[in-house]
Amino acid sequence: MSKARILVVEDDADIANMLKIYFSSQGYDVDIAARGEEALEKTRQNMPHLIVLDIMLPDIDGYEVCRRLRTSTRTSHIPIIFLTQKDERSDRLQGLELGADDYITKPFDIEELRLRVQNAINRSERESLTDPRSGLPAGRLIEDHLRQIIRQRGWALMDIRINYYDAFRDVYGFVAAGDVLRFTAMLLNEVVDEVGTPDDFIGHPGEENFVVITTEEAAPAIRERLKERFAEEVKSHYTFLDREQGYITLEENGKEKKVPLMSLSIGIVSPSQYEFADIREITELAAEARRKDLPPQLEQ
């Protein structure tokens, strides 16, 4: 099971380090941001499963951080727990109105905070809101977003699959395969930031499959940049020998089989191409388009 990632946004170094040490000892992957803008940037770079957010920050306050996260398509799903010295009812209400999931007041009981964090992450995964490995929106959130856009114009759905992922997992193991999924999620965020739009949606419906919902204009550039960067940067997940020879070796039915290094297949569909009756048609046609993008060596 991959570690859940927590982003602690707290300008008090003693509290931030204490929370990092404690939650790391509980099996979480913990990052720290001392300022609001830094928290927003780190969230874009590496999607956390949950954010512990102090209200009083030196640049923008926690309310503004929460507002920006909730109004961004890519970060609106992340559970947020406010951490503050304030104990006024109006402050709690303001945080909850902005979409915070919970609220705890300093000085706090660390065990209580641990349970609130654990419950929020478990609830998000149980309700199929996020994938536990990448932290990206999963089944229900992807479906909800498709329902929002199906009658609109100008969007494009990108169905993205990692080719030869199963073979890589068989040779290198589940931990290394999980690292590839997290790498892919980070790469998607970077490329969408670079050549996409601020309202683009990134999802992870399962295992080696990802989706991006963007504009028709941006989709070709995203596709080209993703395939180019993935093909080059995924090599770092292989041994030197496998990188040099350009394939890995599997044993199948007592014989050695050469399997190429991982690559991406990407299918794109948009309402200018089709009239969609329901979201199932969108995903099916996108998957069909993606299968036409298979590399020549890949068996369908």
Protein backbone atom coordinates (compact mmCIF):
# COMPACT_ATOMS: atom_id res chain seq x y z
CA MET A 1 0.00 0.00 0.00
CA SER A 2 1.42 3.41 -0.97
CA LYS A 3 1.94 6.04 1.70
CA ALA A 4 -0.72 8.74 1.84
CA ARG A 5 0.77 12.21 1.35
CA ILE A 6 0.02 15.03 3.80
CA LEU A 7 0.92 18.67 3.19
CA VAL A 8 1.30 20.64 6.44
CA VAL A 9 0.90 24.39 5.85
CA GLU A 10 2.23 26.04 9.02
CA ASP A 11 4.63 28.97 9.50
CA ASP A 12 5.56 27.98 13.06
CA ALA A 13 8.65 25.83 12.40
CA ASP A 14 8.38 23.98 15.73
CA ILE A 15 4.78 22.91 15.12
CA ALA A 16 5.45 22.07 11.47
CA ASN A 17 8.47 19.89 12.29
CA MET A 18 6.63 18.20 15.15
CA LEU A 19 3.76 17.30 12.82
CA LYS A 20 6.19 16.09 10.14
CA ILE A 21 8.03 13.83 12.60
CA TYR A 22 4.81 12.51 14.16
CA PHE A 23 2.89 11.77 10.95
CA SER A 24 6.00 10.32 9.29
CA SER A 25 6.22 7.88 12.21
CA GLN A 26 2.59 6.96 11.51
CA GLY A 27 3.46 5.90 7.96
CA TYR A 28 2.56 9.07 6.05
CA ASP A 29 4.66 10.92 3.51
CA VAL A 30 4.76 14.48 4.88
CA ASP A 31 5.77 17.74 3.22
CA ILE A 32 5.81 21.23 4.79
CA ALA A 33 4.98 24.68 3.43
CA ALA A 34 5.52 27.81 5.53
CA ARG A 35 3.58 30.17 3.26
CA GLY A 36 0.29 30.05 1.41
CA GLU A 37 1.70 30.58 -2.08
CA GLU A 38 4.28 27.86 -1.42
CA ALA A 39 1.46 25.51 -0.39
CA LEU A 40 -0.42 26.16 -3.64
CA GLU A 41 2.71 25.52 -5.70
CA LYS A 42 3.54 22.29 -3.86
CA THR A 43 -0.04 21.10 -4.28
CA ARG A 44 0.21 21.62 -8.04
CA GLN A 45 3.55 19.82 -8.24
CA ASN A 46 2.69 16.75 -6.15
CA MET A 47 -0.97 16.25 -5.26
CA PRO A 48 -1.37 15.53 -1.52
CA HIS A 49 -4.08 13.23 -0.19
CA LEU A 50 -4.85 15.77 2.57
CA ILE A 51 -3.81 19.27 3.65
CA VAL A 52 -3.46 20.43 7.27
CA LEU A 53 -3.82 24.18 6.86
CA ASP A 54 -3.04 26.92 9.39
CA ILE A 55 -5.21 30.02 8.99
CA MET A 56 -2.61 32.60 10.06
CA LEU A 57 0.15 32.64 7.42
CA PRO A 58 2.71 35.36 6.57
CA ASP A 59 1.53 36.03 3.00
CA ILE A 60 -2.05 34.96 2.15
CA ASP A 61 -4.18 33.48 4.91
CA GLY A 62 -5.51 29.94 5.08
CA TYR A 63 -8.96 31.04 4.00
CA GLU A 64 -7.55 32.34 0.70
CA VAL A 65 -5.50 29.15 0.21
CA CYS A 66 -8.65 27.09 0.79
CA ARG A 67 -10.68 29.26 -1.59
CA ARG A 68 -8.14 28.88 -4.39
CA LEU A 69 -7.89 25.13 -3.88
CA ARG A 70 -11.66 24.72 -3.90
CA THR A 71 -12.16 26.84 -7.03
CA SER A 72 -9.50 24.98 -9.04
CA THR A 73 -10.72 21.98 -11.00
CA ARG A 74 -7.57 20.02 -10.22
CA THR A 75 -7.47 20.57 -6.44
CA SER A 76 -11.12 20.94 -5.41
CA HIS A 77 -11.30 17.32 -4.17
CA ILE A 78 -8.43 17.44 -1.64
CA PRO A 79 -9.58 17.13 2.01
CA ILE A 80 -8.57 20.16 4.10
CA ILE A 81 -8.31 20.34 7.91
CA PHE A 82 -7.95 23.86 9.29
CA LEU A 83 -5.47 24.29 12.14
CA THR A 84 -5.68 27.58 14.04
CA GLN A 85 -5.38 29.35 17.35
CA LYS A 86 -8.72 31.02 16.81
CA ASP A 87 -11.71 29.55 18.61
CA GLU A 88 -14.44 31.87 17.45
CA ARG A 89 -17.57 30.32 15.98
CA SER A 90 -17.51 32.78 13.06
CA ASP A 91 -13.98 31.67 12.13
CA ARG A 92 -15.00 28.00 12.11
CA LEU A 93 -18.05 28.80 10.01
CA GLN A 94 -15.99 30.79 7.52
CA GLY A 95 -13.64 27.84 7.04
CA LEU A 96 -16.48 25.36 6.61
CA GLU A 97 -18.30 27.67 4.18
CA LEU A 98 -15.17 27.74 2.02
CA GLY A 99 -15.24 23.94 1.86
CA ALA A 100 -12.89 22.81 4.63
CA ASP A 101 -13.57 19.25 5.75
CA ASP A 102 -12.69 19.74 9.41
CA TYR A 103 -11.39 22.24 11.93
CA ILE A 104 -9.14 21.78 14.97
CA THR A 105 -7.97 24.47 17.40
CA LYS A 106 -4.52 24.97 18.95
CA PRO A 107 -3.40 23.72 21.36
CA PHE A 108 -4.58 20.41 19.94
CA ASP A 109 -4.49 16.76 20.94
CA ILE A 110 -2.16 15.07 18.45
CA GLU A 111 -4.10 11.80 18.68
CA GLU A 112 -7.33 13.61 17.86
CA LEU A 113 -5.67 15.25 14.85
CA ARG A 114 -4.33 11.86 13.73
CA LEU A 115 -7.82 10.36 13.82
CA ARG A 116 -9.31 13.29 11.93
CA VAL A 117 -6.61 13.00 9.25
CA GLN A 118 -7.04 9.23 9.00
CA ASN A 119 -10.83 9.46 8.80
CA ALA A 120 -10.76 12.18 6.12
CA ILE A 121 -8.36 10.21 3.89
CA ASN A 122 -10.26 6.95 4.41
CA ARG A 123 -13.57 8.64 3.62
CA SER A 124 -12.18 10.13 0.40
CA GLU A 125 -10.88 6.74 -0.77
CA ARG A 126 -13.99 4.84 0.37
CA GLU A 127 -16.24 7.17 -1.62
CA SER A 128 -14.02 6.68 -4.71
CA LEU A 129 -13.04 10.32 -4.68
CA THR A 130 -9.29 9.81 -5.06
CA ASP A 131 -6.86 7.10 -6.08
CA PRO A 132 -4.80 6.04 -3.02
CA ARG A 133 -1.53 5.97 -4.99
CA SER A 134 -1.62 9.17 -7.02
CA GLY A 135 -3.99 11.29 -4.93
CA LEU A 136 -5.76 12.27 -8.17
CA PRO A 137 -9.55 12.28 -8.57
CA ALA A 138 -10.91 8.78 -9.20
CA GLY A 139 -14.16 7.13 -10.31
CA ARG A 140 -16.97 9.25 -8.93
CA LEU A 141 -15.27 12.60 -9.36
CA ILE A 142 -14.34 11.77 -12.95
CA GLU A 143 -17.93 10.76 -13.70
CA ASP A 144 -19.27 13.92 -12.05
CA HIS A 145 -16.97 16.08 -14.15
CA LEU A 146 -18.01 14.33 -17.37
CA ARG A 147 -21.66 14.91 -16.51
CA GLN A 148 -20.93 18.62 -16.06
CA ILE A 149 -19.32 19.03 -19.49
CA ILE A 150 -21.24 16.57 -21.69
CA ARG A 151 -23.64 19.25 -23.03
CA GLN A 152 -20.92 21.89 -23.39
CA ARG A 153 -18.72 22.60 -26.40
CA GLY A 154 -14.98 23.08 -26.83
CA TRP A 155 -13.68 20.38 -24.46
CA ALA A 156 -11.61 17.29 -25.20
CA LEU A 157 -11.18 14.09 -23.19
CA MET A 158 -7.77 12.43 -23.30
CA ASP A 159 -7.67 8.71 -22.43
CA ILE A 160 -4.09 7.89 -21.39
CA ARG A 161 -2.62 4.44 -20.77
CA ILE A 162 0.89 3.30 -19.81
CA ASN A 163 1.94 0.60 -22.28
CA TYR A 164 3.90 -2.42 -20.91
CA TYR A 165 3.13 -1.39 -17.33
CA ASP A 166 2.11 -4.94 -16.33
CA ALA A 167 5.39 -6.37 -17.60
CA PHE A 168 7.34 -3.70 -15.71
CA ARG A 169 5.42 -4.51 -12.50
CA ASP A 170 6.10 -8.24 -12.96
CA VAL A 171 9.84 -7.67 -13.29
CA TYR A 172 10.43 -4.75 -10.91
CA GLY A 173 7.68 -5.33 -8.32
CA PHE A 174 4.70 -3.44 -6.92
CA VAL A 175 6.71 -0.74 -5.10
CA ALA A 176 8.54 0.29 -8.28
CA ALA A 177 5.26 0.15 -10.22
CA GLY A 178 3.65 2.46 -7.66
CA ASP A 179 6.54 4.90 -8.16
CA VAL A 180 5.77 4.92 -11.90
CA LEU A 181 2.12 5.82 -11.22
CA ARG A 182 3.16 8.69 -8.94
CA PHE A 183 5.71 9.86 -11.51
CA THR A 184 3.02 9.83 -14.20
CA ALA A 185 0.64 11.84 -12.01
CA MET A 186 3.34 14.47 -11.39
CA LEU A 187 4.21 14.57 -15.09
CA LEU A 188 0.57 15.10 -16.03
CA ASN A 189 0.34 18.06 -13.65
CA GLU A 190 3.56 19.58 -14.99
CA VAL A 191 2.59 19.22 -18.65
CA VAL A 192 -0.94 20.54 -18.10
CA ASP A 193 0.53 23.51 -16.23
CA GLU A 194 2.93 24.08 -19.11
CA VAL A 195 0.69 23.76 -22.20
CA GLY A 196 -2.85 23.29 -20.86
CA THR A 197 -5.29 25.64 -19.14
CA PRO A 198 -5.94 26.43 -15.45
CA ASP A 199 -9.35 24.73 -15.60
CA ASP A 200 -8.07 21.40 -16.96
CA PHE A 201 -9.07 18.27 -15.04
CA ILE A 202 -6.71 15.35 -14.33
CA GLY A 203 -8.05 12.00 -13.12
CA HIS A 204 -6.83 8.48 -12.32
CA PRO A 205 -9.62 5.94 -12.96
CA GLY A 206 -7.40 3.00 -12.09
CA GLU A 207 -3.95 1.36 -12.25
CA GLU A 208 -2.16 2.41 -15.51
CA ASN A 209 -5.03 4.51 -16.87
CA PHE A 210 -5.31 8.31 -16.55
CA VAL A 211 -7.56 10.98 -18.04
CA VAL A 212 -7.17 14.67 -18.84
CA ILE A 213 -10.13 16.88 -19.70
CA THR A 214 -8.93 20.02 -21.44
CA THR A 215 -9.84 22.21 -24.42
CA GLU A 216 -9.85 21.00 -28.03
CA GLU A 217 -7.15 23.56 -28.80
CA ALA A 218 -4.81 22.46 -26.00
CA ALA A 219 -5.24 18.67 -26.34
CA PRO A 220 -2.79 18.06 -29.26
CA ALA A 221 0.03 20.00 -27.55
CA ILE A 222 -0.57 18.18 -24.26
CA ARG A 223 -0.54 14.83 -26.05
CA GLU A 224 2.71 15.55 -27.90
CA ARG A 225 4.51 16.89 -24.82
CA LEU A 226 3.30 14.06 -22.57
CA LYS A 227 4.46 11.31 -24.93
CA GLU A 228 7.80 13.00 -25.50
CA ARG A 229 8.61 13.59 -21.82
CA PHE A 230 7.26 10.26 -20.59
CA ALA A 231 9.34 8.26 -23.09
CA GLU A 232 12.51 9.99 -21.93
CA GLU A 233 11.92 10.42 -18.20
CA VAL A 234 10.43 6.99 -17.47
CA LYS A 235 13.84 5.50 -18.29
CA SER A 236 15.02 6.53 -14.82
CA HIS A 237 12.79 3.78 -13.38
CA TYR A 238 14.79 1.07 -15.16
CA THR A 239 18.24 -0.37 -14.47
CA PHE A 240 21.17 0.84 -16.56
CA LEU A 241 21.25 -2.42 -18.53
CA ASP A 242 17.54 -2.31 -19.38
CA ARG A 243 17.81 1.35 -20.42
CA GLU A 244 20.76 0.60 -22.68
CA GLN A 245 19.18 -2.37 -24.42
CA GLY A 246 15.76 -0.71 -24.66
CA TYR A 247 13.72 -3.61 -23.31
CA ILE A 248 13.18 -5.91 -20.33
CA THR A 249 13.14 -9.69 -20.40
CA LEU A 250 10.26 -11.82 -19.16
CA GLU A 251 9.99 -15.57 -18.95
CA GLU A 252 6.80 -16.84 -20.55
CA ASN A 253 6.00 -20.54 -21.00
CA GLY A 254 9.62 -21.40 -20.40
CA LYS A 255 10.85 -18.96 -23.05
CA GLU A 256 12.38 -15.52 -22.78
CA LYS A 257 10.25 -12.66 -24.10
CA LYS A 258 11.56 -9.16 -24.82
CA VAL A 259 9.21 -6.36 -23.75
CA PRO A 260 9.87 -2.72 -24.78
CA LEU A 261 10.24 0.08 -22.25
CA MET A 262 7.05 1.78 -21.11
CA SER A 263 5.39 4.41 -23.30
CA LEU A 264 2.06 6.22 -23.47
CA SER A 265 -0.93 5.63 -25.72
CA ILE A 266 -3.34 8.59 -25.84
CA GLY A 267 -6.78 8.81 -27.42
CA ILE A 268 -8.66 12.10 -27.78
CA VAL A 269 -12.39 12.67 -28.30
CA SER A 270 -14.37 15.91 -28.38
CA PRO A 271 -17.96 17.08 -29.04
CA SER A 272 -16.90 18.43 -32.42
CA GLN A 273 -16.32 14.81 -33.50
CA TYR A 274 -19.28 13.08 -31.86
CA GLU A 275 -22.69 13.67 -30.32
CA PHE A 276 -22.61 11.95 -26.93
CA ALA A 277 -25.76 10.46 -25.43
CA ASP A 278 -24.18 9.68 -22.06
CA ILE A 279 -20.79 9.64 -20.33
CA ARG A 280 -20.31 5.94 -21.09
CA GLU A 281 -20.13 6.81 -24.78
CA ILE A 282 -17.43 9.40 -24.07
CA THR A 283 -15.21 6.93 -22.23
CA GLU A 284 -15.79 4.11 -24.73
CA LEU A 285 -14.96 6.23 -27.77
CA ALA A 286 -11.90 7.68 -26.02
CA ALA A 287 -10.68 4.16 -25.20
CA GLU A 288 -11.20 3.16 -28.82
CA ALA A 289 -9.17 6.16 -29.99
CA ARG A 290 -6.44 5.29 -27.50
CA ARG A 291 -6.23 1.69 -28.75
CA LYS A 292 -5.50 3.04 -32.24
CA ASP A 293 -2.46 4.79 -30.76
CA LEU A 294 -0.76 1.56 -29.62
CA PRO A 295 2.91 1.16 -30.50
CA PRO A 296 3.55 -1.30 -33.35
CA GLN A 297 5.10 -3.98 -31.10
CA LEU A 298 2.18 -4.02 -28.63
CA GLU A 299 -0.30 -6.88 -28.98
CA GLN A 300 -3.89 -5.68 -28.71
